Protein backbone atom coordinates (compact mmCIF):
# COMPACT_ATOMS: atom_id res chain seq x y z
CA MET A 1 75.96 74.54 107.62
CA SER A 2 76.18 72.01 104.80
CA THR A 3 78.38 72.39 101.75
CA HIS A 4 75.21 72.94 99.69
CA ASP A 5 74.03 75.73 102.02
CA SER A 6 77.47 77.31 101.94
CA ALA A 7 77.54 77.24 98.14
CA LYS A 8 74.01 78.67 98.00
CA ASN A 9 74.95 81.47 100.41
CA ARG A 10 78.10 82.21 98.36
CA GLN A 11 76.01 82.38 95.18
CA GLU A 12 73.34 84.58 96.79
CA CYS A 13 76.02 87.00 98.02
CA PHE A 14 77.62 87.01 94.57
CA ASP A 15 74.28 87.66 92.84
CA HIS A 16 73.56 90.61 95.15
CA ALA A 17 77.05 91.99 94.60
CA MET A 18 76.71 91.55 90.84
CA ALA A 19 73.58 93.72 90.91
CA VAL A 20 75.58 96.42 92.74
CA LEU A 21 78.41 96.12 90.21
CA SER A 22 75.98 96.41 87.29
CA SER A 23 74.29 99.48 88.76
CA ILE A 24 77.63 101.25 89.22
CA ASP A 25 79.89 100.00 86.44
CA GLY A 26 77.35 98.84 83.88
CA GLU A 27 78.81 96.77 81.06
CA SER A 28 82.39 97.78 81.91
CA GLY A 29 82.33 95.81 85.14
CA GLN A 30 80.93 92.74 83.46
CA ARG A 31 83.67 92.89 80.82
CA VAL A 32 86.32 92.88 83.55
CA ILE A 33 84.74 89.83 85.20
CA ASP A 34 84.38 88.07 81.84
CA SER A 35 88.04 88.73 81.03
CA LEU A 36 89.08 86.84 84.17
CA ALA A 37 86.94 83.75 83.46
CA ASP A 38 89.67 81.81 81.68
CA ILE A 39 92.58 82.81 83.92
CA SER A 40 91.30 83.47 87.45
CA PRO A 41 87.55 83.16 87.92
CA GLU A 42 88.10 83.32 91.68
CA LEU A 43 89.66 86.78 91.33
CA GLY A 44 86.59 87.81 89.34
CA HIS A 45 84.38 86.38 92.07
CA GLN A 46 86.29 88.30 94.77
CA VAL A 47 86.16 91.57 92.84
CA VAL A 48 82.40 91.23 92.70
CA ALA A 49 81.68 89.68 96.09
CA TRP A 50 84.14 91.61 98.24
CA ALA A 51 84.61 94.93 96.48
CA PHE A 52 81.01 95.42 95.36
CA GLY A 53 79.15 93.18 97.80
CA GLU A 54 80.99 94.31 100.91
CA MET A 55 82.78 97.61 100.31
CA TYR A 56 80.55 99.47 97.85
CA THR A 57 77.43 98.72 99.88
CA ARG A 58 78.73 100.29 103.08
CA PRO A 59 76.49 103.27 103.96
CA GLN A 60 79.18 105.69 105.17
CA LEU A 61 79.94 107.03 101.67
CA LEU A 62 77.61 107.65 98.76
CA PRO A 63 78.45 105.96 95.43
CA ARG A 64 79.59 109.28 93.92
CA GLU A 65 81.92 109.89 96.88
CA ARG A 66 83.34 106.38 96.52
CA GLN A 67 84.04 107.05 92.85
CA LEU A 68 85.86 110.32 93.63
CA VAL A 69 88.04 108.47 96.13
CA THR A 70 88.64 105.68 93.62
CA LEU A 71 89.59 108.11 90.85
CA GLY A 72 92.07 109.82 93.17
CA MET A 73 93.68 106.57 94.25
CA LEU A 74 93.93 105.13 90.73
CA THR A 75 95.44 108.41 89.55
CA ALA A 76 97.96 108.34 92.41
CA LEU A 77 98.98 104.77 91.67
CA GLY A 78 99.66 105.49 88.01
CA GLY A 79 99.63 102.79 85.37
CA CYS A 80 95.96 102.06 86.09
CA GLU A 81 94.49 103.49 82.90
CA PRO A 82 92.23 100.47 82.16
CA GLN A 83 90.78 100.71 85.67
CA LEU A 84 90.44 104.49 85.36
CA ASP A 85 88.40 103.93 82.20
CA VAL A 86 85.99 101.68 84.11
CA HIS A 87 85.75 104.04 87.08
CA ILE A 88 85.38 107.24 85.07
CA ASN A 89 82.43 105.55 83.38
CA ALA A 90 81.19 104.48 86.81
CA ALA A 91 81.58 108.03 88.12
CA LEU A 92 79.34 109.27 85.32
CA ASN A 93 76.90 106.42 86.00
CA VAL A 94 76.50 107.43 89.65
CA GLY A 95 75.89 111.09 88.85
CA LEU A 96 79.23 112.85 88.82
CA LYS A 97 79.39 115.59 86.22
CA PRO A 98 82.27 115.62 83.72
CA GLU A 99 83.56 118.87 85.16
CA GLU A 100 83.63 117.31 88.66
CA ILE A 101 85.69 114.41 87.32
CA VAL A 102 88.08 116.75 85.51
CA GLU A 103 88.41 118.91 88.63
CA ALA A 104 89.17 115.84 90.80
CA LEU A 105 91.89 114.78 88.35
CA LEU A 106 93.29 118.32 88.28
CA HIS A 107 93.34 118.37 92.08
CA ALA A 108 95.16 115.04 92.08
CA ALA A 109 98.09 116.72 90.30
CA VAL A 110 98.93 118.55 93.53
CA TYR A 111 99.39 115.29 95.45
CA CYS A 112 100.20 112.73 92.74
CA GLY A 113 102.18 114.71 90.21
CA MET A 114 101.57 115.97 86.73
CA PRO A 115 102.30 112.73 84.83
CA GLN A 116 99.64 110.78 86.74
CA ALA A 117 97.12 113.62 86.44
CA LEU A 118 97.81 113.97 82.72
CA ASN A 119 97.38 110.24 82.09
CA ALA A 120 94.14 110.14 84.07
CA THR A 121 92.80 113.23 82.30
CA PHE A 122 93.53 111.71 78.90
CA VAL A 123 91.56 108.61 79.95
CA ALA A 124 88.67 110.88 80.97
CA LYS A 125 88.86 112.62 77.60
CA GLU A 126 88.58 109.23 75.84
CA VAL A 127 85.61 108.20 77.99
CA PHE A 128 83.84 111.51 77.40
CA THR A 129 84.42 111.21 73.64
CA GLU A 130 83.12 107.63 73.58
CA ARG A 131 80.01 108.72 75.46
CA GLY A 132 79.46 111.83 73.33
CA ILE A 133 80.04 114.20 76.22
CA PRO A 134 81.26 117.65 75.14
CA ALA A 135 84.62 118.98 76.24
CA TYR A 136 84.92 120.71 79.58
CA PRO A 137 82.41 123.56 79.22
CA ASP A 138 83.60 126.13 81.75
CA VAL A 139 87.27 126.91 81.30
CA GLN A 140 88.29 129.72 83.59
CA GLU A 141 91.58 131.53 83.72
CA ARG A 142 93.15 131.78 87.12
CA CYS A 143 96.05 133.72 88.57
CA SER A 144 98.84 131.63 89.93
C-alpha cells in the first residue's frame, strides 16, 4: 500500500468515525475535537477514529447501553465533569430519558460513593437546564 493509499484509508476511516461521533455527541463532540486542534490534533484524531470509529460501532451494545456504561465509569473516576457533560448530552441524543440518567447516577452512588454521584448529578442538572428539560418528574419516597 502506498503512502497516498494509507493516508486516504486513514481519512476515510476518520470521516466514517466523525459521522458516528456527530450522531451520538452532536456539537459537543466536535467542540472537544476542535479544542485539541492547537495542542494535540493526533489525540483528537484518535478520539474520533478509535473511540467512535472502532469502539462505538461494535454491535454488541446499543448506543444507549454504551452511554449508561460511560456515565457510570466517568462518575466512578470523579473529576470528569466536562466529559460527563458531553456524555449526558450524548445519552439524551441516543434516547435515554432524563429519569434513566438520574437513576444511573443514583445507582452509581452505591459503588462510587456519594461525592462522585453528587458531582455527576449536578452536571446532569446543568445539562437538563440548558436543554430545557424539566426536573425529575417522578420523585418517589422509599423506605430505607
